Amino acid sequence: MKHKIEVNGIQLYSFHGCLEEEARIGGKYQVDVRILTDFAEAALTDDLTKTVDYVAVNEIVVEEMAIRSKLIEHVGLRILNRLKTEIKHPANYNVRIIKISPPINGDVKDVVVELEA
């Protein structure tokens, strides 16, 4: 059976981007993580070890977003790889990074990258 866990709206201030100003000034980001897994046993037993601990998911996101990268694609891959490596419960992950008000020529609300594995 497949179930879904979502950790949505992780709000961060990070320093990603190709421009030097982004390295100095930083910007606002939001990260959403969707996890497809089977947590039937956890639901029956009330045992956290039988599911994905979303506290650990949040910690991985916060730690990886704190490491500067030029591309949010790179950050997203790091997050995805750590989730797959460190979360011991079998699952498929979807990571969505939203860069709010990116410094590009135009009135753009956000830029989004999404990775899945």
PDB file of N, CA and C in Angstrom:
ATOM      1  N   MET A   1       0.845  -1.178   0.000  1.00  0.00           N
ATOM      2  CA  MET A   1       0.000   0.000   0.000  1.00  0.00           C
ATOM      3  C   MET A   1       0.892   1.243   0.000  1.00  0.00           C
ATOM      4  N   LYS A   2       0.496   2.249  -0.723  1.00  0.00           N
ATOM      5  CA  LYS A   2       1.268   3.503  -0.761  1.00  0.00           C
ATOM      6  C   LYS A   2       0.548   4.589   0.023  1.00  0.00           C
ATOM      7  N   HIS A   3       1.330   5.293   0.803  1.00  0.00           N
ATOM      8  CA  HIS A   3       0.833   6.426   1.575  1.00  0.00           C
ATOM      9  C   HIS A   3       1.715   7.633   1.263  1.00  0.00           C
ATOM     10  N   LYS A   4       1.240   8.788   1.612  1.00  0.00           N
ATOM     11  CA  LYS A   4       1.984  10.012   1.335  1.00  0.00           C
ATOM     12  C   LYS A   4       2.194  10.805   2.618  1.00  0.00           C
ATOM     13  N   ILE A   5       3.410  11.271   2.785  1.00  0.00           N
ATOM     14  CA  ILE A   5       3.760  12.213   3.853  1.00  0.00           C
ATOM     15  C   ILE A   5       4.309  13.446   3.155  1.00  0.00           C
ATOM     16  N   GLU A   6       3.862  14.617   3.570  1.00  0.00           N
ATOM     17  CA  GLU A   6       4.372  15.856   3.001  1.00  0.00           C
ATOM     18  C   GLU A   6       4.889  16.761   4.108  1.00  0.00           C
ATOM     19  N   VAL A   7       6.057  17.311   3.881  1.00  0.00           N
ATOM     20  CA  VAL A   7       6.603  18.354   4.750  1.00  0.00           C
ATOM     21  C   VAL A   7       6.663  19.590   3.857  1.00  0.00           C
ATOM     22  N   ASN A   8       5.697  20.458   3.999  1.00  0.00           N
ATOM     23  CA  ASN A   8       5.515  21.582   3.082  1.00  0.00           C
ATOM     24  C   ASN A   8       5.816  22.921   3.733  1.00  0.00           C
ATOM     25  N   GLY A   9       6.283  23.838   2.901  1.00  0.00           N
ATOM     26  CA  GLY A   9       6.446  25.215   3.345  1.00  0.00           C
ATOM     27  C   GLY A   9       7.599  25.437   4.298  1.00  0.00           C
ATOM     28  N   ILE A  10       8.682  24.676   4.133  1.00  0.00           N
ATOM     29  CA  ILE A  10       9.870  24.929   4.955  1.00  0.00           C
ATOM     30  C   ILE A  10      10.445  26.265   4.482  1.00  0.00           C
ATOM     31  N   GLN A  11      10.363  27.272   5.328  1.00  0.00           N
ATOM     32  CA  GLN A  11      10.774  28.632   4.983  1.00  0.00           C
ATOM     33  C   GLN A  11      12.230  28.844   5.386  1.00  0.00           C
ATOM     34  N   LEU A  12      13.033  29.323   4.421  1.00  0.00           N
ATOM     35  CA  LEU A  12      14.455  29.496   4.670  1.00  0.00           C
ATOM     36  C   LEU A  12      14.958  30.783   4.034  1.00  0.00           C
ATOM     37  N   TYR A  13      16.021  31.289   4.591  1.00  0.00           N
ATOM     38  CA  TYR A  13      16.747  32.388   3.973  1.00  0.00           C
ATOM     39  C   TYR A  13      18.122  31.832   3.652  1.00  0.00           C
ATOM     40  N   SER A  14      18.470  31.782   2.361  1.00  0.00           N
ATOM     41  CA  SER A  14      19.712  31.147   1.933  1.00  0.00           C
ATOM     42  C   SER A  14      20.436  32.020   0.925  1.00  0.00           C
ATOM     43  N   PHE A  15      21.630  31.600   0.558  1.00  0.00           N
ATOM     44  CA  PHE A  15      22.522  32.413  -0.261  1.00  0.00           C
ATOM     45  C   PHE A  15      22.911  31.704  -1.557  1.00  0.00           C
ATOM     46  N   HIS A  16      21.935  31.178  -2.278  1.00  0.00           N
ATOM     47  CA  HIS A  16      22.179  30.472  -3.529  1.00  0.00           C
ATOM     48  C   HIS A  16      22.009  31.410  -4.713  1.00  0.00           C
ATOM     49  N   GLY A  17      22.766  31.142  -5.762  1.00  0.00           N
ATOM     50  CA  GLY A  17      22.626  31.914  -6.988  1.00  0.00           C
ATOM     51  C   GLY A  17      23.958  32.151  -7.656  1.00  0.00           C
ATOM     52  N   CYS A  18      23.915  32.426  -8.931  1.00  0.00           N
ATOM     53  CA  CYS A  18      25.125  32.659  -9.727  1.00  0.00           C
ATOM     54  C   CYS A  18      25.678  34.066  -9.543  1.00  0.00           C
ATOM     55  N   LEU A  19      24.846  34.992  -9.123  1.00  0.00           N
ATOM     56  CA  LEU A  19      25.281  36.378  -8.965  1.00  0.00           C
ATOM     57  C   LEU A  19      25.970  36.592  -7.618  1.00  0.00           C
ATOM     58  N   GLU A  20      27.006  37.428  -7.612  1.00  0.00           N
ATOM     59  CA  GLU A  20      27.716  37.731  -6.367  1.00  0.00           C
ATOM     60  C   GLU A  20      26.794  38.381  -5.341  1.00  0.00           C
ATOM     61  N   GLU A  21      25.833  39.188  -5.827  1.00  0.00           N
ATOM     62  CA  GLU A  21      24.890  39.832  -4.908  1.00  0.00           C
ATOM     63  C   GLU A  21      24.092  38.788  -4.124  1.00  0.00           C
ATOM     64  N   GLU A  22      23.751  37.686  -4.793  1.00  0.00           N
ATOM     65  CA  GLU A  22      22.988  36.632  -4.115  1.00  0.00           C
ATOM     66  C   GLU A  22      23.814  35.984  -3.009  1.00  0.00           C
ATOM     67  N   ALA A  23      25.116  35.905  -3.221  1.00  0.00           N
ATOM     68  CA  ALA A  23      26.003  35.343  -2.194  1.00  0.00           C
ATOM     69  C   ALA A  23      26.081  36.252  -0.980  1.00  0.00           C
ATOM     70  N   ARG A  24      26.003  37.555  -1.208  1.00  0.00           N
ATOM     71  CA  ARG A  24      26.090  38.515  -0.103  1.00  0.00           C
ATOM     72  C   ARG A  24      24.743  38.804   0.543  1.00  0.00           C
ATOM     73  N   ILE A  25      23.728  39.005  -0.285  1.00  0.00           N
ATOM     74  CA  ILE A  25      22.421  39.447   0.207  1.00  0.00           C
ATOM     75  C   ILE A  25      21.516  38.276   0.566  1.00  0.00           C
ATOM     76  N   GLY A  26      21.558  37.215  -0.227  1.00  0.00           N
ATOM     77  CA  GLY A  26      20.698  36.061   0.005  1.00  0.00           C
ATOM     78  C   GLY A  26      19.279  36.306  -0.464  1.00  0.00           C
ATOM     79  N   GLY A  27      18.426  35.345  -0.199  1.00  0.00           N
ATOM     80  CA  GLY A  27      17.036  35.462  -0.599  1.00  0.00           C
ATOM     81  C   GLY A  27      16.159  34.444   0.099  1.00  0.00           C
ATOM     82  N   LYS A  28      14.859  34.592  -0.110  1.00  0.00           N
ATOM     83  CA  LYS A  28      13.876  33.710   0.530  1.00  0.00           C
ATOM     84  C   LYS A  28      13.609  32.487  -0.338  1.00  0.00           C
ATOM     85  N   TYR A  29      13.464  31.365   0.340  1.00  0.00           N
ATOM     86  CA  TYR A  29      13.183  30.095  -0.316  1.00  0.00           C
ATOM     87  C   TYR A  29      12.098  29.356   0.455  1.00  0.00           C
ATOM     88  N   GLN A  30      11.433  28.480  -0.260  1.00  0.00           N
ATOM     89  CA  GLN A  30      10.509  27.539   0.361  1.00  0.00           C
ATOM     90  C   GLN A  30      10.840  26.161  -0.211  1.00  0.00           C
ATOM     91  N   VAL A  31      10.847  25.169   0.657  1.00  0.00           N
ATOM     92  CA  VAL A  31      11.095  23.803   0.217  1.00  0.00           C
ATOM     93  C   VAL A  31       9.924  22.933   0.658  1.00  0.00           C
ATOM     94  N   ASP A  32       9.448  22.112  -0.282  1.00  0.00           N
ATOM     95  CA  ASP A  32       8.397  21.135  -0.013  1.00  0.00           C
ATOM     96  C   ASP A  32       8.967  19.756  -0.306  1.00  0.00           C
ATOM     97  N   VAL A  33       8.683  18.800   0.572  1.00  0.00           N
ATOM     98  CA  VAL A  33       9.131  17.422   0.370  1.00  0.00           C
ATOM     99  C   VAL A  33       7.909  16.518   0.430  1.00  0.00           C
ATOM    100  N   ARG A  34       7.741  15.713  -0.621  1.00  0.00           N
ATOM    101  CA  ARG A  34       6.651  14.733  -0.666  1.00  0.00           C
ATOM    102  C   ARG A  34       7.290  13.342  -0.644  1.00  0.00           C
ATOM    103  N   ILE A  35       6.751  12.486   0.219  1.00  0.00           N
ATOM    104  CA  ILE A  35       7.306  11.156   0.425  1.00  0.00           C
ATOM    105  C   ILE A  35       6.217  10.123   0.191  1.00  0.00           C
ATOM    106  N   LEU A  36       6.457   9.223  -0.747  1.00  0.00           N
ATOM    107  CA  LEU A  36       5.553   8.099  -0.977  1.00  0.00           C
ATOM    108  C   LEU A  36       6.152   6.880  -0.311  1.00  0.00           C
ATOM    109  N   THR A  37       5.392   6.277   0.583  1.00  0.00           N
ATOM    110  CA  THR A  37       5.904   5.173   1.383  1.00  0.00           C
ATOM    111  C   THR A  37       4.738   4.304   1.835  1.00  0.00           C
ATOM    112  N   ASP A  38       5.027   3.334   2.642  1.00  0.00           N
ATOM    113  CA  ASP A  38       3.994   2.501   3.259  1.00  0.00           C
ATOM    114  C   ASP A  38       4.127   2.658   4.764  1.00  0.00           C
ATOM    115  N   PHE A  39       3.195   3.380   5.374  1.00  0.00           N
ATOM    116  CA  PHE A  39       3.253   3.550   6.827  1.00  0.00           C
ATOM    117  C   PHE A  39       2.109   2.822   7.541  1.00  0.00           C
ATOM    118  N   ALA A  40       1.596   1.768   6.924  1.00  0.00           N
ATOM    119  CA  ALA A  40       0.492   1.010   7.520  1.00  0.00           C
ATOM    120  C   ALA A  40       0.869   0.457   8.889  1.00  0.00           C
ATOM    121  N   GLU A  41       2.084  -0.096   8.998  1.00  0.00           N
ATOM    122  CA  GLU A  41       2.494  -0.657  10.285  1.00  0.00           C
ATOM    123  C   GLU A  41       2.615   0.424  11.355  1.00  0.00           C
ATOM    124  N   ALA A  42       3.121   1.577  10.989  1.00  0.00           N
ATOM    125  CA  ALA A  42       3.215   2.683  11.945  1.00  0.00           C
ATOM    126  C   ALA A  42       1.830   3.131  12.395  1.00  0.00           C
ATOM    127  N   ALA A  43       0.896   3.184  11.448  1.00  0.00           N
ATOM    128  CA  ALA A  43      -0.467   3.585  11.790  1.00  0.00           C
ATOM    129  C   ALA A  43      -1.112   2.599  12.757  1.00  0.00           C
ATOM    130  N   LEU A  44      -0.809   1.320  12.582  1.00  0.00           N
ATOM    131  CA  LEU A  44      -1.368   0.287  13.461  1.00  0.00           C
ATOM    132  C   LEU A  44      -0.705   0.252  14.832  1.00  0.00           C
ATOM    133  N   THR A  45       0.619   0.444  14.851  1.00  0.00           N
ATOM    134  CA  THR A  45       1.376   0.248  16.093  1.00  0.00           C
ATOM    135  C   THR A  45       1.711   1.538  16.831  1.00  0.00           C
ATOM    136  N   ASP A  46       1.510   2.679  16.178  1.00  0.00           N
ATOM    137  CA  ASP A  46       1.867   3.975  16.761  1.00  0.00           C
ATOM    138  C   ASP A  46       3.365   4.054  17.046  1.00  0.00           C
ATOM    139  N   ASP A  47       4.174   3.488  16.110  1.00  0.00           N
ATOM    140  CA  ASP A  47       5.623   3.376  16.278  1.00  0.00           C
ATOM    141  C   ASP A  47       6.324   4.221  15.219  1.00  0.00           C
ATOM    142  N   LEU A  48       7.022   5.261  15.657  1.00  0.00           N
ATOM    143  CA  LEU A  48       7.713   6.180  14.748  1.00  0.00           C
ATOM    144  C   LEU A  48       8.766   5.472  13.901  1.00  0.00           C
ATOM    145  N   THR A  49       9.372   4.429  14.423  1.00  0.00           N
ATOM    146  CA  THR A  49      10.420   3.732  13.667  1.00  0.00           C
ATOM    147  C   THR A  49       9.872   2.993  12.447  1.00  0.00           C
ATOM    148  N   LYS A  50       8.578   2.903  12.313  1.00  0.00           N
ATOM    149  CA  LYS A  50       7.960   2.202  11.178  1.00  0.00           C
ATOM    150  C   LYS A  50       7.507   3.148  10.082  1.00  0.00           C
ATOM    151  N   THR A  51       7.953   4.405  10.167  1.00  0.00           N
ATOM    152  CA  THR A  51       7.579   5.401   9.157  1.00  0.00           C
ATOM    153  C   THR A  51       8.726   6.387   8.967  1.00  0.00           C
ATOM    154  N   VAL A  52       8.506   7.401   8.176  1.00  0.00           N
ATOM    155  CA  VAL A  52       9.498   8.450   7.940  1.00  0.00           C
ATOM    156  C   VAL A  52       9.320   9.536   8.994  1.00  0.00           C
ATOM    157  N   ASP A  53      10.402   9.845   9.677  1.00  0.00           N
ATOM    158  CA  ASP A  53      10.383  10.891  10.701  1.00  0.00           C
ATOM    159  C   ASP A  53      10.523  12.251  10.004  1.00  0.00           C
ATOM    160  N   TYR A  54       9.460  13.040   9.998  1.00  0.00           N
ATOM    161  CA  TYR A  54       9.514  14.305   9.273  1.00  0.00           C
ATOM    162  C   TYR A  54      10.381  15.347   9.961  1.00  0.00           C
ATOM    163  N   VAL A  55      10.733  15.124  11.228  1.00  0.00           N
ATOM    164  CA  VAL A  55      11.706  15.999  11.889  1.00  0.00           C
ATOM    165  C   VAL A  55      13.066  15.825  11.211  1.00  0.00           C
ATOM    166  N   ALA A  56      13.428  14.569  10.915  1.00  0.00           N
ATOM    167  CA  ALA A  56      14.690  14.297  10.217  1.00  0.00           C
ATOM    168  C   ALA A  56      14.673  14.884   8.808  1.00  0.00           C
ATOM    169  N   VAL A  57      13.541  14.821   8.146  1.00  0.00           N
ATOM    170  CA  VAL A  57      13.400  15.401   6.804  1.00  0.00           C
ATOM    171  C   VAL A  57      13.672  16.901   6.869  1.00  0.00           C
ATOM    172  N   ASN A  58      13.063  17.583   7.808  1.00  0.00           N
ATOM    173  CA  ASN A  58      13.256  19.028   7.962  1.00  0.00           C
ATOM    174  C   ASN A  58      14.717  19.354   8.252  1.00  0.00           C
ATOM    175  N   GLU A  59      15.358  18.584   9.122  1.00  0.00           N
ATOM    176  CA  GLU A  59      16.762  18.837   9.469  1.00  0.00           C
ATOM    177  C   GLU A  59      17.666  18.717   8.245  1.00  0.00           C
ATOM    178  N   ILE A  60      17.434  17.709   7.407  1.00  0.00           N
ATOM    179  CA  ILE A  60      18.231  17.532   6.196  1.00  0.00           C
ATOM    180  C   ILE A  60      18.060  18.734   5.273  1.00  0.00           C
ATOM    181  N   VAL A  61      16.831  19.171   5.088  1.00  0.00           N
ATOM    182  CA  VAL A  61      16.568  20.327   4.221  1.00  0.00           C
ATOM    183  C   VAL A  61      17.277  21.570   4.753  1.00  0.00           C
ATOM    184  N   VAL A  62      17.139  21.843   6.026  1.00  0.00           N
ATOM    185  CA  VAL A  62      17.742  23.040   6.624  1.00  0.00           C
ATOM    186  C   VAL A  62      19.265  22.989   6.484  1.00  0.00           C
ATOM    187  N   GLU A  63      19.866  21.840   6.761  1.00  0.00           N
ATOM    188  CA  GLU A  63      21.324  21.716   6.673  1.00  0.00           C
ATOM    189  C   GLU A  63      21.829  21.913   5.246  1.00  0.00           C
ATOM    190  N   GLU A  64      21.171  21.318   4.280  1.00  0.00           N
ATOM    191  CA  GLU A  64      21.622  21.429   2.888  1.00  0.00           C
ATOM    192  C   GLU A  64      21.370  22.826   2.317  1.00  0.00           C
ATOM    193  N   MET A  65      20.281  23.458   2.710  1.00  0.00           N
ATOM    194  CA  MET A  65      20.007  24.811   2.225  1.00  0.00           C
ATOM    195  C   MET A  65      20.998  25.823   2.800  1.00  0.00           C
ATOM    196  N   ALA A  66      21.659  25.483   3.896  1.00  0.00           N
ATOM    197  CA  ALA A  66      22.644  26.372   4.511  1.00  0.00           C
ATOM    198  C   ALA A  66      23.986  26.336   3.778  1.00  0.00           C
ATOM    199  N   ILE A  67      24.186  25.368   2.889  1.00  0.00           N
ATOM    200  CA  ILE A  67      25.425  25.251   2.124  1.00  0.00           C
ATOM    201  C   ILE A  67      25.233  25.962   0.792  1.00  0.00           C
ATOM    202  N   ARG A  68      25.997  27.010   0.570  1.00  0.00           N
ATOM    203  CA  ARG A  68      25.833  27.828  -0.639  1.00  0.00           C
ATOM    204  C   ARG A  68      26.115  27.030  -1.911  1.00  0.00           C
ATOM    205  N   SER A  69      25.266  27.233  -2.893  1.00  0.00           N
ATOM    206  CA  SER A  69      25.449  26.687  -4.235  1.00  0.00           C
ATOM    207  C   SER A  69      25.039  27.747  -5.243  1.00  0.00           C
ATOM    208  N   LYS A  70      25.585  27.664  -6.433  1.00  0.00           N
ATOM    209  CA  LYS A  70      25.168  28.574  -7.498  1.00  0.00           C
ATOM    210  C   LYS A  70      23.782  28.198  -8.003  1.00  0.00           C
ATOM    211  N   LEU A  71      23.498  26.891  -8.082  1.00  0.00           N
ATOM    212  CA  LEU A  71      22.240  26.420  -8.656  1.00  0.00           C
ATOM    213  C   LEU A  71      21.375  25.729  -7.611  1.00  0.00           C
ATOM    214  N   ILE A  72      20.085  26.065  -7.604  1.00  0.00           N
ATOM    215  CA  ILE A  72      19.185  25.362  -6.690  1.00  0.00           C
ATOM    216  C   ILE A  72      18.961  23.924  -7.164  1.00  0.00           C
ATOM    217  N   GLU A  73      19.242  23.648  -8.417  1.00  0.00           N
ATOM    218  CA  GLU A  73      19.201  22.278  -8.905  1.00  0.00           C
ATOM    219  C   GLU A  73      20.213  21.420  -8.142  1.00  0.00           C
ATOM    220  N   HIS A  74      21.384  22.004  -7.882  1.00  0.00           N
ATOM    221  CA  HIS A  74      22.444  21.311  -7.145  1.00  0.00           C
ATOM    222  C   HIS A  74      22.012  21.056  -5.695  1.00  0.00           C
ATOM    223  N   VAL A  75      21.431  22.062  -5.082  1.00  0.00           N
ATOM    224  CA  VAL A  75      20.947  21.924  -3.698  1.00  0.00           C
ATOM    225  C   VAL A  75      19.865  20.847  -3.633  1.00  0.00           C
ATOM    226  N   GLY A  76      18.949  20.871  -4.583  1.00  0.00           N
ATOM    227  CA  GLY A  76      17.872  19.884  -4.607  1.00  0.00           C
ATOM    228  C   GLY A  76      18.399  18.461  -4.708  1.00  0.00           C
ATOM    229  N   LEU A  77      19.417  18.257  -5.534  1.00  0.00           N
ATOM    230  CA  LEU A  77      20.003  16.921  -5.667  1.00  0.00           C
ATOM    231  C   LEU A  77      20.680  16.491  -4.375  1.00  0.00           C
ATOM    232  N   ARG A  78      21.349  17.411  -3.710  1.00  0.00           N
ATOM    233  CA  ARG A  78      21.971  17.073  -2.418  1.00  0.00           C
ATOM    234  C   ARG A  78      20.908  16.661  -1.398  1.00  0.00           C
ATOM    235  N   ILE A  79      19.812  17.420  -1.339  1.00  0.00           N
ATOM    236  CA  ILE A  79      18.725  17.083  -0.411  1.00  0.00           C
ATOM    237  C   ILE A  79      18.173  15.699  -0.738  1.00  0.00           C
ATOM    238  N   LEU A  80      17.876  15.468  -2.002  1.00  0.00           N
ATOM    239  CA  LEU A  80      17.323  14.188  -2.435  1.00  0.00           C
ATOM    240  C   LEU A  80      18.261  13.033  -2.089  1.00  0.00           C
ATOM    241  N   ASN A  81      19.542  13.194  -2.355  1.00  0.00           N
ATOM    242  CA  ASN A  81      20.509  12.132  -2.051  1.00  0.00           C
ATOM    243  C   ASN A  81      20.607  11.846  -0.563  1.00  0.00           C
ATOM    244  N   ARG A  82      20.582  12.887   0.253  1.00  0.00           N
ATOM    245  CA  ARG A  82      20.633  12.664   1.707  1.00  0.00           C
ATOM    246  C   ARG A  82      19.372  11.989   2.216  1.00  0.00           C
ATOM    247  N   LEU A  83      18.223  12.384   1.693  1.00  0.00           N
ATOM    248  CA  LEU A  83      16.980  11.721   2.102  1.00  0.00           C
ATOM    249  C   LEU A  83      17.059  10.229   1.800  1.00  0.00           C
ATOM    250  N   LYS A  84      17.487   9.904   0.584  1.00  0.00           N
ATOM    251  CA  LYS A  84      17.566   8.497   0.172  1.00  0.00           C
ATOM    252  C   LYS A  84      18.589   7.722   0.993  1.00  0.00           C
ATOM    253  N   THR A  85      19.666   8.395   1.404  1.00  0.00           N
ATOM    254  CA  THR A  85      20.738   7.732   2.148  1.00  0.00           C
ATOM    255  C   THR A  85      20.437   7.620   3.639  1.00  0.00           C
ATOM    256  N   GLU A  86      19.904   8.682   4.223  1.00  0.00           N
ATOM    257  CA  GLU A  86      19.791   8.751   5.680  1.00  0.00           C
ATOM    258  C   GLU A  86      18.455   8.297   6.245  1.00  0.00           C
ATOM    259  N   ILE A  87      17.402   8.373   5.469  1.00  0.00           N
ATOM    260  CA  ILE A  87      16.105   7.906   5.960  1.00  0.00           C
ATOM    261  C   ILE A  87      16.031   6.416   5.667  1.00  0.00           C
ATOM    262  N   LYS A  88      15.948   5.627   6.687  1.00  0.00           N
ATOM    263  CA  LYS A  88      16.058   4.175   6.534  1.00  0.00           C
ATOM    264  C   LYS A  88      14.757   3.492   6.124  1.00  0.00           C
ATOM    265  N   HIS A  89      13.665   4.215   6.145  1.00  0.00           N
ATOM    266  CA  HIS A  89      12.371   3.649   5.752  1.00  0.00           C
ATOM    267  C   HIS A  89      12.264   3.690   4.226  1.00  0.00           C
ATOM    268  N   PRO A  90      11.889   2.600   3.571  1.00  0.00           N
ATOM    269  CA  PRO A  90      11.774   2.616   2.099  1.00  0.00           C
ATOM    270  C   PRO A  90      10.746   3.648   1.633  1.00  0.00           C
ATOM    271  N   ALA A  91      11.165   4.468   0.667  1.00  0.00           N
ATOM    272  CA  ALA A  91      10.269   5.535   0.204  1.00  0.00           C
ATOM    273  C   ALA A  91      10.771   6.108  -1.118  1.00  0.00           C
ATOM    274  N   ASN A  92       9.874   6.795  -1.805  1.00  0.00           N
ATOM    275  CA  ASN A  92      10.222   7.611  -2.963  1.00  0.00           C
ATOM    276  C   ASN A  92      10.048   9.062  -2.542  1.00  0.00           C
ATOM    277  N   TYR A  93      10.976   9.914  -2.983  1.00  0.00           N
ATOM    278  CA  TYR A  93      10.998  11.301  -2.544  1.00  0.00           C
ATOM    279  C   TYR A  93      10.815  12.263  -3.701  1.00  0.00           C
ATOM    280  N   ASN A  94      10.141  13.369  -3.418  1.00  0.00           N
ATOM    281  CA  ASN A  94       9.992  14.474  -4.346  1.00  0.00           C
ATOM    282  C   ASN A  94      10.389  15.730  -3.576  1.00  0.00           C
ATOM    283  N   VAL A  95      11.369  16.455  -4.106  1.00  0.00           N
ATOM    284  CA  VAL A  95      11.845  17.682  -3.465  1.00  0.00           C
ATOM    285  C   VAL A  95      11.553  18.843  -4.401  1.00  0.00           C
ATOM    286  N   ARG A  96      10.929  19.863  -3.859  1.00  0.00           N
ATOM    287  CA  ARG A  96      10.553  21.052  -4.640  1.00  0.00           C
ATOM    288  C   ARG A  96      11.146  22.264  -3.937  1.00  0.00           C
ATOM    289  N   ILE A  97      12.045  22.984  -4.645  1.00  0.00           N
ATOM    290  CA  ILE A  97      12.653  24.191  -4.091  1.00  0.00           C
ATOM    291  C   ILE A  97      12.096  25.395  -4.843  1.00  0.00           C
ATOM    292  N   ILE A  98      11.588  26.342  -4.077  1.00  0.00           N
ATOM    293  CA  ILE A  98      10.994  27.547  -4.643  1.00  0.00           C
ATOM    294  C   ILE A  98      11.862  28.742  -4.239  1.00  0.00           C
ATOM    295  N   LYS A  99      12.413  29.419  -5.242  1.00  0.00           N
ATOM    296  CA  LYS A  99      13.195  30.624  -5.019  1.00  0.00           C
ATOM    297  C   LYS A  99      12.240  31.796  -5.208  1.00  0.00           C
ATOM    298  N   ILE A 100      11.964  32.506  -4.123  1.00  0.00           N
ATOM    299  CA  ILE A 100      10.959  33.563  -4.118  1.00  0.00           C
ATOM    300  C   ILE A 100      11.589  34.881  -4.603  1.00  0.00           C
ATOM    301  N   SER A 101      10.896  35.540  -5.517  1.00  0.00           N
ATOM    302  CA  SER A 101      11.345  36.822  -6.084  1.00  0.00           C
ATOM    303  C   SER A 101      12.799  36.765  -6.555  1.00  0.00           C
ATOM    304  N   PRO A 102      13.106  35.906  -7.523  1.00  0.00           N
ATOM    305  CA  PRO A 102      14.487  35.795  -7.992  1.00  0.00           C
ATOM    306  C   PRO A 102      14.938  37.083  -8.692  1.00  0.00           C
ATOM    307  N   PRO A 103      16.220  37.406  -8.585  1.00  0.00           N
ATOM    308  CA  PRO A 103      16.724  38.645  -9.195  1.00  0.00           C
ATOM    309  C   PRO A 103      16.973  38.463 -10.700  1.00  0.00           C
ATOM    310  N   ILE A 104      15.887  38.391 -11.449  1.00  0.00           N
ATOM    311  CA  ILE A 104      16.004  38.302 -12.900  1.00  0.00           C
ATOM    312  C   ILE A 104      15.260  39.482 -13.509  1.00  0.00           C
ATOM    313  N   ASN A 105      15.553  39.781 -14.733  1.00  0.00           N
ATOM    314  CA  ASN A 105      14.911  40.926 -15.389  1.00  0.00           C
ATOM    315  C   ASN A 105      13.448  40.613 -15.660  1.00  0.00           C
ATOM    316  N   GLY A 106      12.579  41.144 -14.826  1.00  0.00           N
ATOM    317  CA  GLY A 106      11.152  40.933 -14.992  1.00  0.00           C
ATOM    318  C   GLY A 106      10.469  40.786 -13.657  1.00  0.00           C
ATOM    319  N   ASP A 107       9.161  40.849 -13.689  1.00  0.00           N
ATOM    320  CA  ASP A 107       8.339  40.715 -12.493  1.00  0.00           C
ATOM    321  C   ASP A 107       7.966  39.242 -12.359  1.00  0.00           C
ATOM    322  N   VAL A 108       8.794  38.506 -11.627  1.00  0.00           N
ATOM    323  CA  VAL A 108       8.627  37.060 -11.489  1.00  0.00           C
ATOM    324  C   VAL A 108       8.393  36.721 -10.025  1.00  0.00           C
ATOM    325  N   LYS A 109       7.310  36.024  -9.754  1.00  0.00           N
ATOM    326  CA  LYS A 109       6.965  35.634  -8.378  1.00  0.00           C
ATOM    327  C   LYS A 109       7.987  34.657  -7.811  1.00  0.00           C
ATOM    328  N   ASP A 110       8.290  33.590  -8.559  1.00  0.00           N
ATOM    329  CA  ASP A 110       9.230  32.601  -8.065  1.00  0.00           C
ATOM    330  C   ASP A 110       9.750  31.740  -9.211  1.00  0.00           C
ATOM    331  N   VAL A 111      10.791  30.995  -8.899  1.00  0.00           N
ATOM    332  CA  VAL A 111      11.356  29.993  -9.787  1.00  0.00           C
ATOM    333  C   VAL A 111      11.362  28.692  -9.003  1.00  0.00           C
ATOM    334  N   VAL A 112      10.993  27.596  -9.670  1.00  0.00           N
ATOM    335  CA  VAL A 112      10.856  26.320  -8.976  1.00  0.00           C
ATOM    336  C   VAL A 112      11.668  25.248  -9.693  1.00  0.00           C
ATOM    337  N   VAL A 113      12.375  24.427  -8.898  1.00  0.00           N
ATOM    338  CA  VAL A 113      12.965  23.196  -9.413  1.00  0.00           C
ATOM    339  C   VAL A 113      12.362  22.048  -8.623  1.00  0.00           C
ATOM    340  N   GLU A 114      12.168  20.936  -9.303  1.00  0.00           N
ATOM    341  CA  GLU A 114      11.558  19.777  -8.660  1.00  0.00           C
ATOM    342  C   GLU A 114      12.349  18.531  -9.068  1.00  0.00           C
ATOM    343  N   LEU A 115      12.710  17.736  -8.074  1.00  0.00           N
ATOM    344  CA  LEU A 115      13.456  16.509  -8.304  1.00  0.00           C
ATOM    345  C   LEU A 115      12.723  15.352  -7.671  1.00  0.00           C
ATOM    346  N   GLU A 116      12.873  14.172  -8.261  1.00  0.00           N
ATOM    347  CA  GLU A 116      12.154  13.008  -7.759  1.00  0.00           C
ATOM    348  C   GLU A 116      13.032  11.768  -7.890  1.00  0.00           C
ATOM    349  N   ALA A 117      12.965  10.929  -6.886  1.00  0.00           N
ATOM    350  CA  ALA A 117      13.672   9.638  -6.939  1.00  0.00           C
ATOM    351  C   ALA A 117      13.049   8.668  -5.956  1.00  0.00           C
TER     352      ALA A 117
END
